[in-house]
Amino acid sequence: MTIETTNAGILALIAVMTLVTVVTRFGGVFLMSFVTINPRIESFINTMASSVLIAIIVPMAFSGDAGSLAALVVTAVIMLATKKPLPAIAAGIAAAGLVRYSGITGF
């Protein structure tokens, strides 16, 4: 299936992605309304976000460029130091930008 990269094609892709996102979000809430939340399920839900993050970060740590590695290290250090995610994320983005802007390609 191919969609032309005209304005209509791009808008169609955005509409489809929006629909899939909305259905997924509401579908998850609907399905979870039938599940009794016990401590085991609550633990699963709480650790799921961490698992998704780890699945995204680990490949980047092994195959990413210097900017992504700098972002990873700076974000981890700031997060451990401050225990606040927003400053850590901002510092990681700034580190990636600075490393990429300076042209550093590897360590």
C-alpha atoms as a PDB file:
ATOM      1  CA  MET A   1       0.000   0.000   0.000  1.00  0.00           C
ATOM      2  CA  THR A   2       1.369   3.387  -0.930  1.00  0.00           C
ATOM      3  CA  ILE A   3       0.022   6.830  -0.249  1.00  0.00           C
ATOM      4  CA  GLU A   4       1.065   9.797  -2.338  1.00  0.00           C
ATOM      5  CA  THR A   5       3.033  12.484  -0.541  1.00  0.00           C
ATOM      6  CA  THR A   6       0.622  15.196  -1.544  1.00  0.00           C
ATOM      7  CA  ASN A   7      -1.181  17.337   1.004  1.00  0.00           C
ATOM      8  CA  ALA A   8      -4.179  15.002   0.927  1.00  0.00           C
ATOM      9  CA  GLY A   9      -1.974  11.916   1.354  1.00  0.00           C
ATOM     10  CA  ILE A  10      -0.140  13.418   4.306  1.00  0.00           C
ATOM     11  CA  LEU A  11      -3.408  14.464   5.942  1.00  0.00           C
ATOM     12  CA  ALA A  12      -4.782  10.950   5.379  1.00  0.00           C
ATOM     13  CA  LEU A  13      -1.724   9.453   7.109  1.00  0.00           C
ATOM     14  CA  ILE A  14      -2.102  11.829  10.052  1.00  0.00           C
ATOM     15  CA  ALA A  15      -5.809  10.969  10.310  1.00  0.00           C
ATOM     16  CA  VAL A  16      -5.084   7.222  10.288  1.00  0.00           C
ATOM     17  CA  MET A  17      -2.344   7.565  12.917  1.00  0.00           C
ATOM     18  CA  THR A  18      -4.663   9.703  15.058  1.00  0.00           C
ATOM     19  CA  LEU A  19      -7.432   7.121  14.790  1.00  0.00           C
ATOM     20  CA  VAL A  20      -5.096   4.263  15.717  1.00  0.00           C
ATOM     21  CA  THR A  21      -3.795   6.208  18.716  1.00  0.00           C
ATOM     22  CA  VAL A  22      -7.269   7.093  19.969  1.00  0.00           C
ATOM     23  CA  VAL A  23      -8.581   3.543  19.510  1.00  0.00           C
ATOM     24  CA  THR A  24      -5.552   2.121  21.307  1.00  0.00           C
ATOM     25  CA  ARG A  25      -5.861   4.510  24.236  1.00  0.00           C
ATOM     26  CA  PHE A  26      -9.603   4.122  24.709  1.00  0.00           C
ATOM     27  CA  GLY A  27      -9.454   0.401  23.978  1.00  0.00           C
ATOM     28  CA  GLY A  28      -6.893  -0.098  26.730  1.00  0.00           C
ATOM     29  CA  VAL A  29      -9.022   1.800  29.228  1.00  0.00           C
ATOM     30  CA  PHE A  30     -12.119  -0.127  28.126  1.00  0.00           C
ATOM     31  CA  LEU A  31     -10.409  -3.508  28.466  1.00  0.00           C
ATOM     32  CA  MET A  32      -8.901  -2.619  31.840  1.00  0.00           C
ATOM     33  CA  SER A  33     -12.383  -1.739  33.136  1.00  0.00           C
ATOM     34  CA  PHE A  34     -13.060  -5.506  33.154  1.00  0.00           C
ATOM     35  CA  VAL A  35      -9.900  -6.339  35.130  1.00  0.00           C
ATOM     36  CA  THR A  36      -9.763  -6.319  38.905  1.00  0.00           C
ATOM     37  CA  ILE A  37      -6.638  -4.447  39.951  1.00  0.00           C
ATOM     38  CA  ASN A  38      -4.823  -6.552  42.525  1.00  0.00           C
ATOM     39  CA  PRO A  39      -1.241  -5.956  43.756  1.00  0.00           C
ATOM     40  CA  ARG A  40       0.233  -8.233  41.096  1.00  0.00           C
ATOM     41  CA  ILE A  41      -1.479  -6.418  38.222  1.00  0.00           C
ATOM     42  CA  GLU A  42      -0.634  -3.029  39.735  1.00  0.00           C
ATOM     43  CA  SER A  43       3.020  -4.053  39.883  1.00  0.00           C
ATOM     44  CA  PHE A  44       2.883  -5.145  36.237  1.00  0.00           C
ATOM     45  CA  ILE A  45       1.379  -1.821  35.165  1.00  0.00           C
ATOM     46  CA  ASN A  46       3.941   0.172  37.149  1.00  0.00           C
ATOM     47  CA  THR A  47       6.901  -1.694  35.660  1.00  0.00           C
ATOM     48  CA  MET A  48       5.598  -1.698  32.084  1.00  0.00           C
ATOM     49  CA  ALA A  49       6.596   1.926  31.441  1.00  0.00           C
ATOM     50  CA  SER A  50      10.136   1.198  32.596  1.00  0.00           C
ATOM     51  CA  SER A  51      10.324  -1.838  30.327  1.00  0.00           C
ATOM     52  CA  VAL A  52       9.308   0.183  27.294  1.00  0.00           C
ATOM     53  CA  LEU A  53      11.880   2.857  28.120  1.00  0.00           C
ATOM     54  CA  ILE A  54      14.626   0.270  28.524  1.00  0.00           C
ATOM     55  CA  ALA A  55      13.663  -1.315  25.197  1.00  0.00           C
ATOM     56  CA  ILE A  56      14.145   2.058  23.514  1.00  0.00           C
ATOM     57  CA  ILE A  57      17.312   3.125  25.347  1.00  0.00           C
ATOM     58  CA  VAL A  58      19.451  -0.034  25.204  1.00  0.00           C
ATOM     59  CA  PRO A  59      19.705  -0.240  21.390  1.00  0.00           C
ATOM     60  CA  MET A  60      20.540   3.470  21.307  1.00  0.00           C
ATOM     61  CA  ALA A  61      23.338   2.930  23.829  1.00  0.00           C
ATOM     62  CA  PHE A  62      24.966   0.258  21.668  1.00  0.00           C
ATOM     63  CA  SER A  63      24.417   1.622  18.172  1.00  0.00           C
ATOM     64  CA  GLY A  64      23.769   5.336  18.634  1.00  0.00           C
ATOM     65  CA  ASP A  65      25.988   8.195  17.560  1.00  0.00           C
ATOM     66  CA  ALA A  66      27.994  10.417  19.902  1.00  0.00           C
ATOM     67  CA  GLY A  67      25.020  12.732  20.405  1.00  0.00           C
ATOM     68  CA  SER A  68      22.702   9.967  21.543  1.00  0.00           C
ATOM     69  CA  LEU A  69      25.339   8.539  23.870  1.00  0.00           C
ATOM     70  CA  ALA A  70      25.956  11.989  25.373  1.00  0.00           C
ATOM     71  CA  ALA A  71      22.214  12.437  25.873  1.00  0.00           C
ATOM     72  CA  LEU A  72      21.964   9.048  27.557  1.00  0.00           C
ATOM     73  CA  VAL A  73      24.858   9.672  29.939  1.00  0.00           C
ATOM     74  CA  VAL A  74      23.877  13.251  30.833  1.00  0.00           C
ATOM     75  CA  THR A  75      20.228  12.301  31.359  1.00  0.00           C
ATOM     76  CA  ALA A  76      21.191   9.394  33.628  1.00  0.00           C
ATOM     77  CA  VAL A  77      23.598  11.482  35.697  1.00  0.00           C
ATOM     78  CA  ILE A  78      21.183  14.398  36.137  1.00  0.00           C
ATOM     79  CA  MET A  79      18.327  12.024  36.964  1.00  0.00           C
ATOM     80  CA  LEU A  80      20.392  10.259  39.627  1.00  0.00           C
ATOM     81  CA  ALA A  81      21.555  13.585  41.062  1.00  0.00           C
ATOM     82  CA  THR A  82      18.246  15.460  41.126  1.00  0.00           C
ATOM     83  CA  LYS A  83      15.588  12.705  41.009  1.00  0.00           C
ATOM     84  CA  LYS A  84      13.612  15.025  38.703  1.00  0.00           C
ATOM     85  CA  PRO A  85      12.889  13.845  35.155  1.00  0.00           C
ATOM     86  CA  LEU A  86      12.215  17.185  33.448  1.00  0.00           C
ATOM     87  CA  PRO A  87      15.644  18.772  34.121  1.00  0.00           C
ATOM     88  CA  ALA A  88      17.299  15.467  33.224  1.00  0.00           C
ATOM     89  CA  ILE A  89      15.479  15.267  29.894  1.00  0.00           C
ATOM     90  CA  ALA A  90      16.232  18.914  29.120  1.00  0.00           C
ATOM     91  CA  ALA A  91      19.921  18.403  29.911  1.00  0.00           C
ATOM     92  CA  GLY A  92      20.018  15.271  27.746  1.00  0.00           C
ATOM     93  CA  ILE A  93      18.468  17.100  24.802  1.00  0.00           C
ATOM     94  CA  ALA A  94      20.916  19.972  25.257  1.00  0.00           C
ATOM     95  CA  ALA A  95      23.860  17.552  25.433  1.00  0.00           C
ATOM     96  CA  ALA A  96      22.805  15.787  22.237  1.00  0.00           C
ATOM     97  CA  GLY A  97      22.380  19.116  20.490  1.00  0.00           C
ATOM     98  CA  LEU A  98      25.749  20.426  21.614  1.00  0.00           C
ATOM     99  CA  VAL A  99      27.614  17.263  20.646  1.00  0.00           C
ATOM    100  CA  ARG A 100      25.965  17.102  17.237  1.00  0.00           C
ATOM    101  CA  TYR A 101      26.440  20.837  16.638  1.00  0.00           C
ATOM    102  CA  SER A 102      30.126  20.597  17.520  1.00  0.00           C
ATOM    103  CA  GLY A 103      30.577  17.801  14.986  1.00  0.00           C
ATOM    104  CA  ILE A 104      31.860  15.139  17.383  1.00  0.00           C
ATOM    105  CA  THR A 105      31.331  11.766  15.705  1.00  0.00           C
ATOM    106  CA  GLY A 106      32.641   9.278  18.249  1.00  0.00           C
ATOM    107  CA  PHE A 107      34.296   8.801  21.605  1.00  0.00           C
END
